[in-house]
PDB file of all heavy atoms in Angstrom:
ATOM      1  N   HIS A   1     -13.073 -18.512 -10.630  1.00  0.00           N
ATOM      2  CA  HIS A   1     -12.163 -19.376  -9.883  1.00  0.00           C
ATOM      3  C   HIS A   1     -11.220 -20.168 -10.775  1.00  0.00           C
ATOM      4  O   HIS A   1     -10.272 -20.761 -10.294  1.00  0.00           O
ATOM      5  CB  HIS A   1     -12.955 -20.318  -8.971  1.00  0.00           C
ATOM      6  CG  HIS A   1     -13.463 -19.614  -7.759  1.00  0.00           C
ATOM      7  ND1 HIS A   1     -12.725 -19.493  -6.612  1.00  0.00           N
ATOM      8  CD2 HIS A   1     -14.613 -18.948  -7.516  1.00  0.00           C
ATOM      9  CE1 HIS A   1     -13.389 -18.795  -5.721  1.00  0.00           C
ATOM     10  NE2 HIS A   1     -14.547 -18.455  -6.238  1.00  0.00           N
ATOM     11  N   GLU A   2     -11.475 -20.195 -12.079  1.00  0.00           N
ATOM     12  CA  GLU A   2     -10.591 -20.878 -13.020  1.00  0.00           C
ATOM     13  C   GLU A   2      -9.710 -19.834 -13.700  1.00  0.00           C
ATOM     14  O   GLU A   2     -10.220 -18.869 -14.260  1.00  0.00           O
ATOM     15  CB  GLU A   2     -11.406 -21.637 -14.074  1.00  0.00           C
ATOM     16  CG  GLU A   2     -12.318 -22.701 -13.496  1.00  0.00           C
ATOM     17  CD  GLU A   2     -11.558 -23.805 -12.810  1.00  0.00           C
ATOM     18  OE1 GLU A   2     -10.477 -24.192 -13.301  1.00  0.00           O
ATOM     19  OE2 GLU A   2     -12.035 -24.285 -11.759  1.00  0.00           O
ATOM     20  N   TRP A   3      -8.406 -20.029 -13.661  1.00  0.00           N
ATOM     21  CA  TRP A   3      -7.461 -19.064 -14.210  1.00  0.00           C
ATOM     22  C   TRP A   3      -6.418 -19.764 -15.063  1.00  0.00           C
ATOM     23  O   TRP A   3      -5.798 -20.730 -14.614  1.00  0.00           O
ATOM     24  CB  TRP A   3      -6.758 -18.310 -13.086  1.00  0.00           C
ATOM     25  CG  TRP A   3      -7.658 -17.370 -12.366  1.00  0.00           C
ATOM     26  CD1 TRP A   3      -8.572 -17.689 -11.403  1.00  0.00           C
ATOM     27  CD2 TRP A   3      -7.760 -15.963 -12.545  1.00  0.00           C
ATOM     28  NE1 TRP A   3      -9.215 -16.568 -10.968  1.00  0.00           N
ATOM     29  CE2 TRP A   3      -8.737 -15.492 -11.661  1.00  0.00           C
ATOM     30  CE3 TRP A   3      -7.105 -15.054 -13.367  1.00  0.00           C
ATOM     31  CZ2 TRP A   3      -9.084 -14.149 -11.577  1.00  0.00           C
ATOM     32  CZ3 TRP A   3      -7.451 -13.718 -13.276  1.00  0.00           C
ATOM     33  CH2 TRP A   3      -8.430 -13.278 -12.390  1.00  0.00           C
ATOM     34  N   GLU A   4      -6.220 -19.271 -16.256  1.00  0.00           N
ATOM     35  CA  GLU A   4      -5.133 -19.735 -17.113  1.00  0.00           C
ATOM     36  C   GLU A   4      -3.836 -19.083 -16.618  1.00  0.00           C
ATOM     37  O   GLU A   4      -3.869 -17.985 -16.062  1.00  0.00           O
ATOM     38  CB  GLU A   4      -5.387 -19.332 -18.573  1.00  0.00           C
ATOM     39  CG  GLU A   4      -6.615 -19.981 -19.188  1.00  0.00           C
ATOM     40  CD  GLU A   4      -6.503 -21.490 -19.272  1.00  0.00           C
ATOM     41  OE1 GLU A   4      -5.392 -21.995 -19.544  1.00  0.00           O
ATOM     42  OE2 GLU A   4      -7.520 -22.169 -19.037  1.00  0.00           O
ATOM     43  N   PRO A   5      -2.700 -19.754 -16.835  1.00  0.00           N
ATOM     44  CA  PRO A   5      -1.420 -19.185 -16.345  1.00  0.00           C
ATOM     45  C   PRO A   5      -1.161 -17.753 -16.807  1.00  0.00           C
ATOM     46  O   PRO A   5      -0.719 -16.910 -16.018  1.00  0.00           O
ATOM     47  CB  PRO A   5      -0.370 -20.152 -16.909  1.00  0.00           C
ATOM     48  CG  PRO A   5      -1.098 -21.443 -17.046  1.00  0.00           C
ATOM     49  CD  PRO A   5      -2.515 -21.076 -17.422  1.00  0.00           C
ATOM     50  N   GLU A   6      -1.447 -17.454 -18.068  1.00  0.00           N
ATOM     51  CA  GLU A   6      -1.187 -16.089 -18.544  1.00  0.00           C
ATOM     52  C   GLU A   6      -2.111 -15.065 -17.876  1.00  0.00           C
ATOM     53  O   GLU A   6      -1.725 -13.913 -17.662  1.00  0.00           O
ATOM     54  CB  GLU A   6      -1.270 -15.993 -20.071  1.00  0.00           C
ATOM     55  CG  GLU A   6      -2.545 -16.494 -20.689  1.00  0.00           C
ATOM     56  CD  GLU A   6      -2.545 -18.010 -20.971  1.00  0.00           C
ATOM     57  OE1 GLU A   6      -1.545 -18.697 -20.759  1.00  0.00           O
ATOM     58  OE2 GLU A   6      -3.591 -18.501 -21.401  1.00  0.00           O
ATOM     59  N   ASP A   7      -3.331 -15.483 -17.507  1.00  0.00           N
ATOM     60  CA  ASP A   7      -4.240 -14.583 -16.792  1.00  0.00           C
ATOM     61  C   ASP A   7      -3.763 -14.340 -15.362  1.00  0.00           C
ATOM     62  O   ASP A   7      -3.857 -13.226 -14.843  1.00  0.00           O
ATOM     63  CB  ASP A   7      -5.661 -15.146 -16.779  1.00  0.00           C
ATOM     64  CG  ASP A   7      -6.279 -15.230 -18.163  1.00  0.00           C
ATOM     65  OD1 ASP A   7      -5.916 -14.388 -19.017  1.00  0.00           O
ATOM     66  OD2 ASP A   7      -7.106 -16.124 -18.393  1.00  0.00           O
ATOM     67  N   LEU A   8      -3.262 -15.398 -14.730  1.00  0.00           N
ATOM     68  CA  LEU A   8      -2.699 -15.235 -13.382  1.00  0.00           C
ATOM     69  C   LEU A   8      -1.559 -14.228 -13.408  1.00  0.00           C
ATOM     70  O   LEU A   8      -1.479 -13.341 -12.554  1.00  0.00           O
ATOM     71  CB  LEU A   8      -2.158 -16.570 -12.855  1.00  0.00           C
ATOM     72  CG  LEU A   8      -3.145 -17.532 -12.238  1.00  0.00           C
ATOM     73  CD1 LEU A   8      -2.462 -18.854 -11.931  1.00  0.00           C
ATOM     74  CD2 LEU A   8      -3.776 -16.954 -10.995  1.00  0.00           C
ATOM     75  N   ILE A   9      -0.700 -14.368 -14.385  1.00  0.00           N
ATOM     76  CA  ILE A   9       0.449 -13.466 -14.492  1.00  0.00           C
ATOM     77  C   ILE A   9      -0.015 -12.030 -14.699  1.00  0.00           C
ATOM     78  O   ILE A   9       0.467 -11.102 -14.040  1.00  0.00           O
ATOM     79  CB  ILE A   9       1.386 -13.920 -15.633  1.00  0.00           C
ATOM     80  CG1 ILE A   9       2.047 -15.239 -15.250  1.00  0.00           C
ATOM     81  CG2 ILE A   9       2.425 -12.850 -15.956  1.00  0.00           C
ATOM     82  CD1 ILE A   9       2.743 -15.947 -16.387  1.00  0.00           C
ATOM     83  N   GLU A  10      -0.986 -11.837 -15.573  1.00  0.00           N
ATOM     84  CA  GLU A  10      -1.462 -10.489 -15.875  1.00  0.00           C
ATOM     85  C   GLU A  10      -2.151  -9.821 -14.686  1.00  0.00           C
ATOM     86  O   GLU A  10      -1.938  -8.645 -14.412  1.00  0.00           O
ATOM     87  CB  GLU A  10      -2.431 -10.541 -17.057  1.00  0.00           C
ATOM     88  CG  GLU A  10      -2.955  -9.177 -17.469  1.00  0.00           C
ATOM     89  CD  GLU A  10      -3.899  -9.254 -18.650  1.00  0.00           C
ATOM     90  OE1 GLU A  10      -3.841 -10.226 -19.422  1.00  0.00           O
ATOM     91  OE2 GLU A  10      -4.708  -8.325 -18.803  1.00  0.00           O
ATOM     92  N   VAL A  11      -2.957 -10.574 -13.958  1.00  0.00           N
ATOM     93  CA  VAL A  11      -3.791  -9.983 -12.902  1.00  0.00           C
ATOM     94  C   VAL A  11      -3.172 -10.075 -11.512  1.00  0.00           C
ATOM     95  O   VAL A  11      -3.293  -9.149 -10.721  1.00  0.00           O
ATOM     96  CB  VAL A  11      -5.190 -10.656 -12.905  1.00  0.00           C
ATOM     97  CG1 VAL A  11      -6.047 -10.177 -11.753  1.00  0.00           C
ATOM     98  CG2 VAL A  11      -5.891 -10.404 -14.236  1.00  0.00           C
ATOM     99  N   TRP A  12      -2.506 -11.162 -11.205  1.00  0.00           N
ATOM    100  CA  TRP A  12      -2.065 -11.435  -9.844  1.00  0.00           C
ATOM    101  C   TRP A  12      -0.574 -11.223  -9.606  1.00  0.00           C
ATOM    102  O   TRP A  12      -0.073 -11.501  -8.515  1.00  0.00           O
ATOM    103  CB  TRP A  12      -2.467 -12.852  -9.441  1.00  0.00           C
ATOM    104  CG  TRP A  12      -3.953 -13.013  -9.349  1.00  0.00           C
ATOM    105  CD1 TRP A  12      -4.787 -13.435 -10.332  1.00  0.00           C
ATOM    106  CD2 TRP A  12      -4.788 -12.714  -8.225  1.00  0.00           C
ATOM    107  NE1 TRP A  12      -6.089 -13.440  -9.883  1.00  0.00           N
ATOM    108  CE2 TRP A  12      -6.120 -12.992  -8.602  1.00  0.00           C
ATOM    109  CE3 TRP A  12      -4.536 -12.244  -6.938  1.00  0.00           C
ATOM    110  CZ2 TRP A  12      -7.189 -12.825  -7.738  1.00  0.00           C
ATOM    111  CZ3 TRP A  12      -5.610 -12.068  -6.070  1.00  0.00           C
ATOM    112  CH2 TRP A  12      -6.918 -12.361  -6.469  1.00  0.00           C
ATOM    113  N   THR A  13       0.157 -10.716 -10.580  1.00  0.00           N
ATOM    114  CA  THR A  13       1.577 -10.453 -10.367  1.00  0.00           C
ATOM    115  C   THR A  13       1.753  -9.209  -9.508  1.00  0.00           C
ATOM    116  O   THR A  13       1.159  -8.160  -9.781  1.00  0.00           O
ATOM    117  CB  THR A  13       2.308 -10.280 -11.713  1.00  0.00           C
ATOM    118  OG1 THR A  13       2.238 -11.523 -12.421  1.00  0.00           O
ATOM    119  CG2 THR A  13       3.762  -9.882 -11.516  1.00  0.00           C
ATOM    120  N   LEU A  14       2.570  -9.336  -8.484  1.00  0.00           N
ATOM    121  CA  LEU A  14       2.861  -8.211  -7.603  1.00  0.00           C
ATOM    122  C   LEU A  14       3.921  -7.330  -8.254  1.00  0.00           C
ATOM    123  O   LEU A  14       4.998  -7.800  -8.607  1.00  0.00           O
ATOM    124  CB  LEU A  14       3.361  -8.716  -6.247  1.00  0.00           C
ATOM    125  CG  LEU A  14       2.337  -9.491  -5.434  1.00  0.00           C
ATOM    126  CD1 LEU A  14       3.020 -10.242  -4.314  1.00  0.00           C
ATOM    127  CD2 LEU A  14       1.251  -8.578  -4.907  1.00  0.00           C
ATOM    128  N   LEU A  15       3.597  -6.072  -8.402  1.00  0.00           N
ATOM    129  CA  LEU A  15       4.532  -5.120  -8.975  1.00  0.00           C
ATOM    130  C   LEU A  15       5.518  -4.655  -7.899  1.00  0.00           C
ATOM    131  O   LEU A  15       5.353  -4.955  -6.714  1.00  0.00           O
ATOM    132  CB  LEU A  15       3.764  -3.940  -9.565  1.00  0.00           C
ATOM    133  CG  LEU A  15       2.705  -4.310 -10.609  1.00  0.00           C
ATOM    134  CD1 LEU A  15       1.942  -3.078 -11.046  1.00  0.00           C
ATOM    135  CD2 LEU A  15       3.330  -5.022 -11.787  1.00  0.00           C
ATOM    136  N   GLU A  16       6.506  -3.901  -8.311  1.00  0.00           N
ATOM    137  CA  GLU A  16       7.529  -3.437  -7.374  1.00  0.00           C
ATOM    138  C   GLU A  16       6.916  -2.630  -6.228  1.00  0.00           C
ATOM    139  O   GLU A  16       7.285  -2.822  -5.062  1.00  0.00           O
ATOM    140  CB  GLU A  16       8.555  -2.579  -8.127  1.00  0.00           C
ATOM    141  CG  GLU A  16       9.813  -2.347  -7.359  1.00  0.00           C
ATOM    142  CD  GLU A  16      10.885  -1.665  -8.200  1.00  0.00           C
ATOM    143  OE1 GLU A  16      11.115  -2.097  -9.348  1.00  0.00           O
ATOM    144  OE2 GLU A  16      11.487  -0.714  -7.694  1.00  0.00           O
ATOM    145  N   GLU A  17       5.956  -1.751  -6.545  1.00  0.00           N
ATOM    146  CA  GLU A  17       5.330  -0.954  -5.473  1.00  0.00           C
ATOM    147  C   GLU A  17       4.472  -1.827  -4.562  1.00  0.00           C
ATOM    148  O   GLU A  17       4.326  -1.541  -3.377  1.00  0.00           O
ATOM    149  CB  GLU A  17       4.526   0.232  -6.029  1.00  0.00           C
ATOM    150  CG  GLU A  17       3.398  -0.143  -6.946  1.00  0.00           C
ATOM    151  CD  GLU A  17       3.758  -0.102  -8.422  1.00  0.00           C
ATOM    152  OE1 GLU A  17       4.953  -0.129  -8.763  1.00  0.00           O
ATOM    153  OE2 GLU A  17       2.831  -0.049  -9.233  1.00  0.00           O
ATOM    154  N   ASP A  18       3.901  -2.903  -5.097  1.00  0.00           N
ATOM    155  CA  ASP A  18       3.160  -3.854  -4.265  1.00  0.00           C
ATOM    156  C   ASP A  18       4.118  -4.533  -3.286  1.00  0.00           C
ATOM    157  O   ASP A  18       3.820  -4.646  -2.091  1.00  0.00           O
ATOM    158  CB  ASP A  18       2.480  -4.934  -5.119  1.00  0.00           C
ATOM    159  CG  ASP A  18       1.484  -4.374  -6.125  1.00  0.00           C
ATOM    160  OD1 ASP A  18       0.925  -3.285  -5.888  1.00  0.00           O
ATOM    161  OD2 ASP A  18       1.270  -5.049  -7.158  1.00  0.00           O
ATOM    162  N   GLN A  19       5.254  -4.972  -3.798  1.00  0.00           N
ATOM    163  CA  GLN A  19       6.246  -5.631  -2.957  1.00  0.00           C
ATOM    164  C   GLN A  19       6.736  -4.685  -1.852  1.00  0.00           C
ATOM    165  O   GLN A  19       6.961  -5.104  -0.719  1.00  0.00           O
ATOM    166  CB  GLN A  19       7.438  -6.105  -3.806  1.00  0.00           C
ATOM    167  CG  GLN A  19       7.096  -7.208  -4.769  1.00  0.00           C
ATOM    168  CD  GLN A  19       7.023  -8.582  -4.127  1.00  0.00           C
ATOM    169  OE1 GLN A  19       7.153  -8.746  -2.925  1.00  0.00           O
ATOM    170  NE2 GLN A  19       6.813  -9.590  -4.952  1.00  0.00           N
ATOM    171  N   GLU A  20       6.874  -3.416  -2.195  1.00  0.00           N
ATOM    172  CA  GLU A  20       7.312  -2.423  -1.199  1.00  0.00           C
ATOM    173  C   GLU A  20       6.288  -2.312  -0.068  1.00  0.00           C
ATOM    174  O   GLU A  20       6.653  -2.172   1.098  1.00  0.00           O
ATOM    175  CB  GLU A  20       7.521  -1.070  -1.884  1.00  0.00           C
ATOM    176  CG  GLU A  20       8.006   0.024  -0.978  1.00  0.00           C
ATOM    177  CD  GLU A  20       9.363  -0.247  -0.339  1.00  0.00           C
ATOM    178  OE1 GLU A  20      10.172  -0.992  -0.919  1.00  0.00           O
ATOM    179  OE2 GLU A  20       9.608   0.291   0.757  1.00  0.00           O
ATOM    180  N   ARG A  21       5.009  -2.375  -0.394  1.00  0.00           N
ATOM    181  CA  ARG A  21       3.953  -2.298   0.632  1.00  0.00           C
ATOM    182  C   ARG A  21       3.994  -3.491   1.582  1.00  0.00           C
ATOM    183  O   ARG A  21       3.476  -3.417   2.689  1.00  0.00           O
ATOM    184  CB  ARG A  21       2.579  -2.229  -0.031  1.00  0.00           C
ATOM    185  CG  ARG A  21       2.292  -0.936  -0.717  1.00  0.00           C
ATOM    186  CD  ARG A  21       0.858  -0.891  -1.265  1.00  0.00           C
ATOM    187  NE  ARG A  21       0.662   0.336  -1.981  1.00  0.00           N
ATOM    188  CZ  ARG A  21       0.700   0.447  -3.314  1.00  0.00           C
ATOM    189  NH1 ARG A  21       0.881  -0.613  -4.066  1.00  0.00           N
ATOM    190  NH2 ARG A  21       0.534   1.624  -3.886  1.00  0.00           N
ATOM    191  N   LEU A  22       4.567  -4.589   1.135  1.00  0.00           N
ATOM    192  CA  LEU A  22       4.584  -5.822   1.924  1.00  0.00           C
ATOM    193  C   LEU A  22       5.864  -6.008   2.721  1.00  0.00           C
ATOM    194  O   LEU A  22       5.974  -6.956   3.492  1.00  0.00           O
ATOM    195  CB  LEU A  22       4.411  -7.026   0.986  1.00  0.00           C
ATOM    196  CG  LEU A  22       3.138  -7.043   0.151  1.00  0.00           C
ATOM    197  CD1 LEU A  22       3.203  -8.155  -0.879  1.00  0.00           C
ATOM    198  CD2 LEU A  22       1.916  -7.172   1.032  1.00  0.00           C
ATOM    199  N   ARG A  23       6.824  -5.135   2.569  1.00  0.00           N
ATOM    200  CA  ARG A  23       8.164  -5.351   3.111  1.00  0.00           C
ATOM    201  C   ARG A  23       8.195  -5.538   4.625  1.00  0.00           C
ATOM    202  O   ARG A  23       9.053  -6.219   5.141  1.00  0.00           O
ATOM    203  CB  ARG A  23       9.110  -4.240   2.687  1.00  0.00           C
ATOM    204  CG  ARG A  23       8.849  -2.896   3.306  1.00  0.00           C
ATOM    205  CD  ARG A  23       9.968  -1.911   2.972  1.00  0.00           C
ATOM    206  NE  ARG A  23       9.640  -0.532   3.093  1.00  0.00           N
ATOM    207  CZ  ARG A  23       9.117   0.091   4.141  1.00  0.00           C
ATOM    208  NH1 ARG A  23       8.796  -0.585   5.199  1.00  0.00           N
ATOM    209  NH2 ARG A  23       8.886   1.384   4.125  1.00  0.00           N
ATOM    210  N   ASN A  24       7.284  -4.954   5.360  1.00  0.00           N
ATOM    211  CA  ASN A  24       7.304  -5.060   6.819  1.00  0.00           C
ATOM    212  C   ASN A  24       6.337  -6.122   7.352  1.00  0.00           C
ATOM    213  O   ASN A  24       6.046  -6.144   8.535  1.00  0.00           O
ATOM    214  CB  ASN A  24       6.999  -3.703   7.458  1.00  0.00           C
ATOM    215  CG  ASN A  24       5.604  -3.216   7.135  1.00  0.00           C
ATOM    216  OD1 ASN A  24       4.968  -3.687   6.185  1.00  0.00           O
ATOM    217  ND2 ASN A  24       5.106  -2.271   7.908  1.00  0.00           N
ATOM    218  N   LYS A  25       5.869  -7.015   6.468  1.00  0.00           N
ATOM    219  CA  LYS A  25       4.932  -8.052   6.870  1.00  0.00           C
ATOM    220  C   LYS A  25       5.580  -9.428   6.683  1.00  0.00           C
ATOM    221  O   LYS A  25       6.428  -9.596   5.830  1.00  0.00           O
ATOM    222  CB  LYS A  25       3.646  -7.946   6.052  1.00  0.00           C
ATOM    223  CG  LYS A  25       2.893  -6.646   6.292  1.00  0.00           C
ATOM    224  CD  LYS A  25       1.762  -6.459   5.287  1.00  0.00           C
ATOM    225  CE  LYS A  25       0.976  -5.193   5.528  1.00  0.00           C
ATOM    226  NZ  LYS A  25       1.751  -3.976   5.495  1.00  0.00           N
ATOM    227  N   ALA A  26       5.122 -10.390   7.479  1.00  0.00           N
ATOM    228  CA  ALA A  26       5.674 -11.740   7.384  1.00  0.00           C
ATOM    229  C   ALA A  26       4.561 -12.773   7.498  1.00  0.00           C
ATOM    230  O   ALA A  26       3.468 -12.481   7.997  1.00  0.00           O
ATOM    231  CB  ALA A  26       6.698 -11.960   8.497  1.00  0.00           C
ATOM    232  N   GLY A  27       4.837 -13.971   7.027  1.00  0.00           N
ATOM    233  CA  GLY A  27       3.935 -15.106   7.192  1.00  0.00           C
ATOM    234  C   GLY A  27       2.546 -14.871   6.624  1.00  0.00           C
ATOM    235  O   GLY A  27       2.385 -14.323   5.532  1.00  0.00           O
ATOM    236  N   ALA A  28       1.552 -15.289   7.391  1.00  0.00           N
ATOM    237  CA  ALA A  28       0.161 -15.181   6.959  1.00  0.00           C
ATOM    238  C   ALA A  28      -0.235 -13.732   6.672  1.00  0.00           C
ATOM    239  O   ALA A  28      -1.003 -13.468   5.742  1.00  0.00           O
ATOM    240  CB  ALA A  28      -0.768 -15.781   8.018  1.00  0.00           C
ATOM    241  N   ASN A  29       0.304 -12.787   7.443  1.00  0.00           N
ATOM    242  CA  ASN A  29      -0.022 -11.375   7.211  1.00  0.00           C
ATOM    243  C   ASN A  29       0.537 -10.879   5.882  1.00  0.00           C
ATOM    244  O   ASN A  29      -0.085 -10.075   5.198  1.00  0.00           O
ATOM    245  CB  ASN A  29       0.475 -10.492   8.352  1.00  0.00           C
ATOM    246  CG  ASN A  29      -0.409 -10.598   9.566  1.00  0.00           C
ATOM    247  OD1 ASN A  29      -1.595 -10.883   9.464  1.00  0.00           O
ATOM    248  ND2 ASN A  29       0.167 -10.390  10.730  1.00  0.00           N
TER     249      ASN A  29
END
């Protein structure tokens, strides 16, 4: 549950294909 900023960037950054998967979703979804 504890994350350093560089770890967040490495693990939790959404890549372009991730963003594409989300394109038809809004808000909480």
